[in-house]
Amino acid sequence: MKTAISIFLFWTFLFGYPAEPEKRSPENTTNKSTSDYELVKQENNINIYTRWLPVDGKRSARQVKVTFAVDAPASETLSVLLDDASFTSWMKGTSDYHRVHTVDSGNWYSYIQFSIPWPLNDQDCIIHYELRKQSDTYTEIFLNGEPEYLSAIDGVTRISHMEGTWKLVSAVADRTLVEYVIFSRQPSSFPRWITDPIIQNNMIKTMTAFREQVRQVGQVDQDELVEQGNHDSFSEGRVR
């Protein structure tokens, strides 16, 4: 039950972070530079930052940024983000993820459902993904919630707003710098002193699992190369 509540608070944070009056930090709601982020947690070489952005004239909400490195090429890192089948294994608290519509290789819509402990309803959203390869070393994926794209499901609460990005930068050979940013205007009734520690821990777990998923992809590729090499050697031996 404790795990279920933790997952619930995690997604409440991502898609409905407790809002604060805009007057709390007016300088952060107008300055969009990276310098206005505050580092709030570091663990497993994963960094979590937050900053305030205006929602309306009365309140602001926090945007979250997570940065870390993956010991794998950007192509392998990107392959995990594009792999529908593995999504629920690393994104904590998700019970369903499937592609709804593919426009082209860099433009698609996906449905995500999040498990919420009883007696509250599960939550879901439809995300429009746009993949943009800015250069040979820099790739971005833009995420925008499209709550009206599909009809609502009975007993499941539709997330009203979400936007974010994944950024992948090739640093050196077989190493990728990853940045994940998420923001929602949807309000929450949970106080920060309760949610912050739980949410930050779950974000660390999610990105740790993502990094492990990338590592497994690399291991599979390496095993396939070894198997192919053994096969080629066997074939050459038979020819001789």
Protein backbone atom coordinates (compact mmCIF):
# COMPACT_ATOMS: atom_id res chain seq x y z
CA MET A 1 0.00 0.00 0.00
CA LYS A 2 2.87 2.37 0.78
CA THR A 3 4.32 1.77 -2.69
CA ALA A 4 0.95 2.44 -4.32
CA ILE A 5 0.56 5.71 -2.44
CA SER A 6 4.10 6.70 -3.42
CA ILE A 7 3.33 6.06 -7.08
CA PHE A 8 0.12 8.07 -6.79
CA LEU A 9 1.90 11.05 -5.26
CA PHE A 10 4.61 10.74 -7.92
CA TRP A 11 2.11 11.17 -10.77
CA THR A 12 0.17 13.78 -8.83
CA PHE A 13 3.45 15.69 -8.75
CA LEU A 14 4.24 15.33 -12.45
CA PHE A 15 0.76 16.11 -13.70
CA GLY A 16 -0.56 18.30 -10.94
CA TYR A 17 2.24 19.70 -8.86
CA PRO A 18 1.06 21.75 -5.88
CA ALA A 19 0.75 25.34 -7.02
CA GLU A 20 1.87 28.40 -5.13
CA PRO A 21 0.94 32.09 -5.35
CA GLU A 22 2.88 33.82 -8.09
CA LYS A 23 4.27 36.37 -5.66
CA ARG A 24 6.39 33.66 -4.01
CA SER A 25 9.08 33.91 -6.69
CA PRO A 26 8.20 36.45 -9.41
CA GLU A 27 11.74 36.48 -10.80
CA ASN A 28 11.56 32.76 -11.61
CA THR A 29 8.23 32.94 -13.40
CA THR A 30 9.53 35.36 -16.02
CA ASN A 31 13.14 34.31 -16.52
CA LYS A 32 13.25 31.21 -18.76
CA SER A 33 17.03 30.68 -18.60
CA THR A 34 18.44 27.48 -17.09
CA SER A 35 20.06 29.48 -14.27
CA ASP A 36 16.73 29.89 -12.45
CA TYR A 37 16.45 26.16 -11.76
CA GLU A 38 17.12 25.01 -8.20
CA LEU A 39 18.86 21.70 -7.59
CA VAL A 40 16.64 19.75 -5.17
CA LYS A 41 18.08 16.21 -5.23
CA GLN A 42 21.12 14.25 -6.42
CA GLU A 43 21.36 10.46 -6.32
CA ASN A 44 22.87 7.75 -8.54
CA ASN A 45 24.40 10.52 -10.66
CA ILE A 46 20.89 11.79 -11.42
CA ASN A 47 20.07 15.46 -10.79
CA ILE A 48 16.56 16.84 -10.17
CA TYR A 49 15.90 20.57 -10.59
CA THR A 50 12.75 22.66 -10.25
CA ARG A 51 11.75 26.21 -11.12
CA TRP A 52 8.59 28.32 -10.95
CA LEU A 53 6.58 29.20 -14.06
CA PRO A 54 3.39 31.28 -14.20
CA VAL A 55 0.09 29.47 -14.68
CA ASP A 56 -2.18 32.50 -14.58
CA GLY A 57 -2.34 35.85 -12.82
CA LYS A 58 -2.89 34.23 -9.43
CA ARG A 59 -0.50 31.32 -9.16
CA SER A 60 2.61 29.59 -10.45
CA ALA A 61 3.58 25.93 -10.75
CA ARG A 62 6.92 24.18 -10.70
CA GLN A 63 8.58 22.79 -13.77
CA VAL A 64 10.82 19.77 -13.21
CA LYS A 65 14.08 19.02 -15.01
CA VAL A 66 16.11 15.82 -14.62
CA THR A 67 19.63 15.38 -15.99
CA PHE A 68 21.91 12.35 -16.10
CA ALA A 69 24.35 10.49 -18.34
CA VAL A 70 23.97 7.10 -19.98
CA ASP A 71 26.97 4.99 -20.90
CA ALA A 72 25.61 4.16 -24.34
CA PRO A 73 25.43 5.80 -27.77
CA ALA A 74 22.56 8.20 -28.41
CA SER A 75 21.08 5.74 -30.91
CA GLU A 76 20.63 3.09 -28.19
CA THR A 77 19.26 5.66 -25.73
CA LEU A 78 16.78 6.89 -28.31
CA SER A 79 15.74 3.34 -29.15
CA VAL A 80 14.40 2.89 -25.60
CA LEU A 81 12.29 6.05 -25.86
CA LEU A 82 10.89 4.74 -29.15
CA ASP A 83 10.21 1.23 -27.82
CA ASP A 84 6.54 1.07 -26.89
CA ALA A 85 6.86 -2.39 -25.36
CA SER A 86 9.41 -1.43 -22.70
CA PHE A 87 7.79 1.83 -21.56
CA THR A 88 5.88 0.45 -18.57
CA SER A 89 8.96 -1.44 -17.34
CA TRP A 90 10.92 1.75 -16.62
CA MET A 91 8.33 4.55 -16.29
CA LYS A 92 7.14 3.88 -12.75
CA GLY A 93 3.43 3.76 -12.03
CA THR A 94 2.27 3.18 -15.62
CA SER A 95 -0.14 0.30 -16.27
CA ASP A 96 -0.70 0.86 -19.99
CA TYR A 97 1.18 2.49 -22.84
CA HIS A 98 0.37 2.04 -26.50
CA ARG A 99 0.63 3.98 -29.70
CA VAL A 100 -2.68 5.37 -30.90
CA HIS A 101 -1.65 6.85 -34.23
CA THR A 102 1.60 7.18 -36.16
CA VAL A 103 1.82 10.16 -38.50
CA ASP A 104 5.38 9.39 -39.54
CA SER A 105 8.65 8.21 -37.95
CA GLY A 106 9.02 11.47 -36.05
CA ASN A 107 5.41 12.26 -35.20
CA TRP A 108 3.00 10.04 -33.25
CA TYR A 109 0.32 9.91 -30.54
CA SER A 110 0.40 7.55 -27.56
CA TYR A 111 -1.99 6.66 -24.75
CA ILE A 112 -0.66 6.34 -21.18
CA GLN A 113 -2.54 5.15 -18.09
CA PHE A 114 -1.26 5.49 -14.54
CA SER A 115 -2.20 3.16 -11.68
CA ILE A 116 -3.67 5.03 -8.71
CA PRO A 117 -4.55 3.27 -5.43
CA TRP A 118 -8.19 2.72 -4.55
CA PRO A 119 -10.51 4.50 -3.85
CA LEU A 120 -9.18 7.12 -6.29
CA ASN A 121 -9.50 6.77 -10.05
CA ASP A 122 -6.63 5.83 -12.34
CA GLN A 123 -5.36 8.69 -14.49
CA ASP A 124 -4.57 8.80 -18.19
CA CYS A 125 -3.34 11.12 -20.92
CA ILE A 126 -2.74 11.19 -24.66
CA ILE A 127 0.67 12.52 -25.65
CA HIS A 128 1.66 13.94 -29.00
CA TYR A 129 5.35 13.16 -29.59
CA GLU A 130 7.49 15.08 -32.08
CA LEU A 131 11.02 13.82 -32.76
CA ARG A 132 13.48 16.38 -34.08
CA LYS A 133 17.08 15.56 -34.86
CA GLN A 134 18.68 18.98 -34.54
CA SER A 135 22.16 17.76 -35.51
CA ASP A 136 24.25 14.59 -35.65
CA THR A 137 24.86 14.92 -31.89
CA TYR A 138 21.61 16.48 -30.62
CA THR A 139 18.08 15.02 -30.66
CA GLU A 140 14.90 16.35 -29.05
CA ILE A 141 11.50 14.76 -28.45
CA PHE A 142 8.69 17.21 -27.66
CA LEU A 143 5.74 16.00 -25.57
CA ASN A 144 2.37 17.75 -25.61
CA GLY A 145 -0.79 16.52 -23.93
CA GLU A 146 -3.85 16.19 -26.17
CA PRO A 147 -6.69 15.45 -23.71
CA GLU A 148 -9.40 15.72 -26.37
CA TYR A 149 -7.71 13.37 -28.85
CA LEU A 150 -9.58 10.32 -27.47
CA SER A 151 -12.87 10.00 -25.65
CA ALA A 152 -12.63 9.77 -21.87
CA ILE A 153 -12.79 6.32 -20.27
CA ASP A 154 -15.33 5.71 -17.51
CA GLY A 155 -13.66 5.53 -14.12
CA VAL A 156 -10.38 7.05 -15.36
CA THR A 157 -9.46 10.71 -14.79
CA ARG A 158 -8.05 12.47 -17.85
CA ILE A 159 -5.00 14.70 -17.20
CA SER A 160 -5.93 18.15 -18.48
CA HIS A 161 -2.49 19.55 -19.30
CA MET A 162 1.06 18.31 -19.74
CA GLU A 163 4.08 19.37 -21.77
CA GLY A 164 7.71 18.34 -21.76
CA THR A 165 10.85 17.37 -23.66
CA TRP A 166 13.52 14.72 -23.85
CA LYS A 167 16.95 15.95 -24.98
CA LEU A 168 19.78 13.61 -25.97
CA VAL A 169 23.28 14.95 -26.54
CA SER A 170 26.18 12.77 -27.69
CA ALA A 171 29.02 13.74 -25.34
CA VAL A 172 31.83 11.34 -26.26
CA ALA A 173 31.92 7.89 -27.81
CA ASP A 174 29.32 5.59 -26.21
CA ARG A 175 28.09 8.25 -23.76
CA THR A 176 24.89 10.29 -23.94
CA LEU A 177 23.75 13.23 -21.83
CA VAL A 178 20.01 13.08 -21.13
CA GLU A 179 17.69 15.88 -20.05
CA TYR A 180 14.01 15.34 -19.23
CA VAL A 181 11.70 18.32 -18.56
CA ILE A 182 8.05 18.09 -17.53
CA PHE A 183 5.45 20.72 -16.63
CA SER A 184 1.72 20.75 -15.89
CA ARG A 185 -0.74 23.53 -15.11
CA GLN A 186 -3.12 21.05 -13.47
CA PRO A 187 -3.41 21.90 -9.75
CA SER A 188 -3.08 19.50 -6.84
CA SER A 189 -4.36 19.63 -3.29
CA PHE A 190 -1.37 17.85 -1.71
CA PRO A 191 1.11 19.96 0.32
CA ARG A 192 4.73 20.02 -0.83
CA TRP A 193 6.18 18.85 2.47
CA ILE A 194 4.37 15.54 1.99
CA THR A 195 4.89 15.04 -1.74
CA ASP A 196 8.43 16.31 -2.35
CA PRO A 197 10.48 13.47 -0.76
CA ILE A 198 8.27 10.73 -2.24
CA ILE A 199 8.17 12.29 -5.68
CA GLN A 200 11.87 12.91 -5.91
CA ASN A 201 12.64 9.31 -4.89
CA ASN A 202 10.27 7.95 -7.52
CA MET A 203 11.79 10.16 -10.19
CA ILE A 204 15.22 8.77 -9.30
CA LYS A 205 13.82 5.23 -9.54
CA THR A 206 12.28 5.95 -12.94
CA MET A 207 15.45 7.36 -14.46
CA THR A 208 17.59 4.63 -12.89
CA ALA A 209 15.31 2.06 -14.50
CA PHE A 210 15.51 3.92 -17.81
CA ARG A 211 19.30 3.88 -17.70
CA GLU A 212 19.23 0.15 -16.92
CA GLN A 213 16.89 -0.44 -19.85
CA VAL A 214 19.38 1.31 -22.16
CA ARG A 215 22.18 -0.84 -20.74
CA GLN A 216 20.19 -3.98 -21.49
CA VAL A 217 19.68 -2.86 -25.09
CA GLY A 218 23.44 -2.43 -25.43
CA GLN A 219 24.05 -5.86 -23.91
CA VAL A 220 21.66 -7.49 -26.35
CA ASP A 221 23.39 -5.77 -29.27
CA GLN A 222 26.78 -6.92 -27.99
CA ASP A 223 25.57 -10.51 -27.53
CA GLU A 224 24.18 -10.52 -31.06
CA LEU A 225 27.53 -9.34 -32.42
CA VAL A 226 29.35 -12.09 -30.53
CA GLU A 227 26.85 -14.68 -31.77
CA GLN A 228 27.21 -13.45 -35.34
CA GLY A 229 31.01 -13.59 -35.00
CA ASN A 230 30.86 -17.17 -33.73
CA HIS A 231 28.52 -18.10 -36.58
CA ASP A 232 30.84 -16.55 -39.16
CA SER A 233 33.85 -18.33 -37.67
CA PHE A 234 31.97 -21.66 -37.73
CA SER A 235 30.92 -21.09 -41.34
CA GLU A 236 34.50 -20.30 -42.37
CA GLY A 237 35.71 -23.45 -40.62
CA ARG A 238 33.20 -25.60 -42.51
CA VAL A 239 34.27 -24.08 -45.85
CA ARG A 240 37.89 -24.94 -45.16
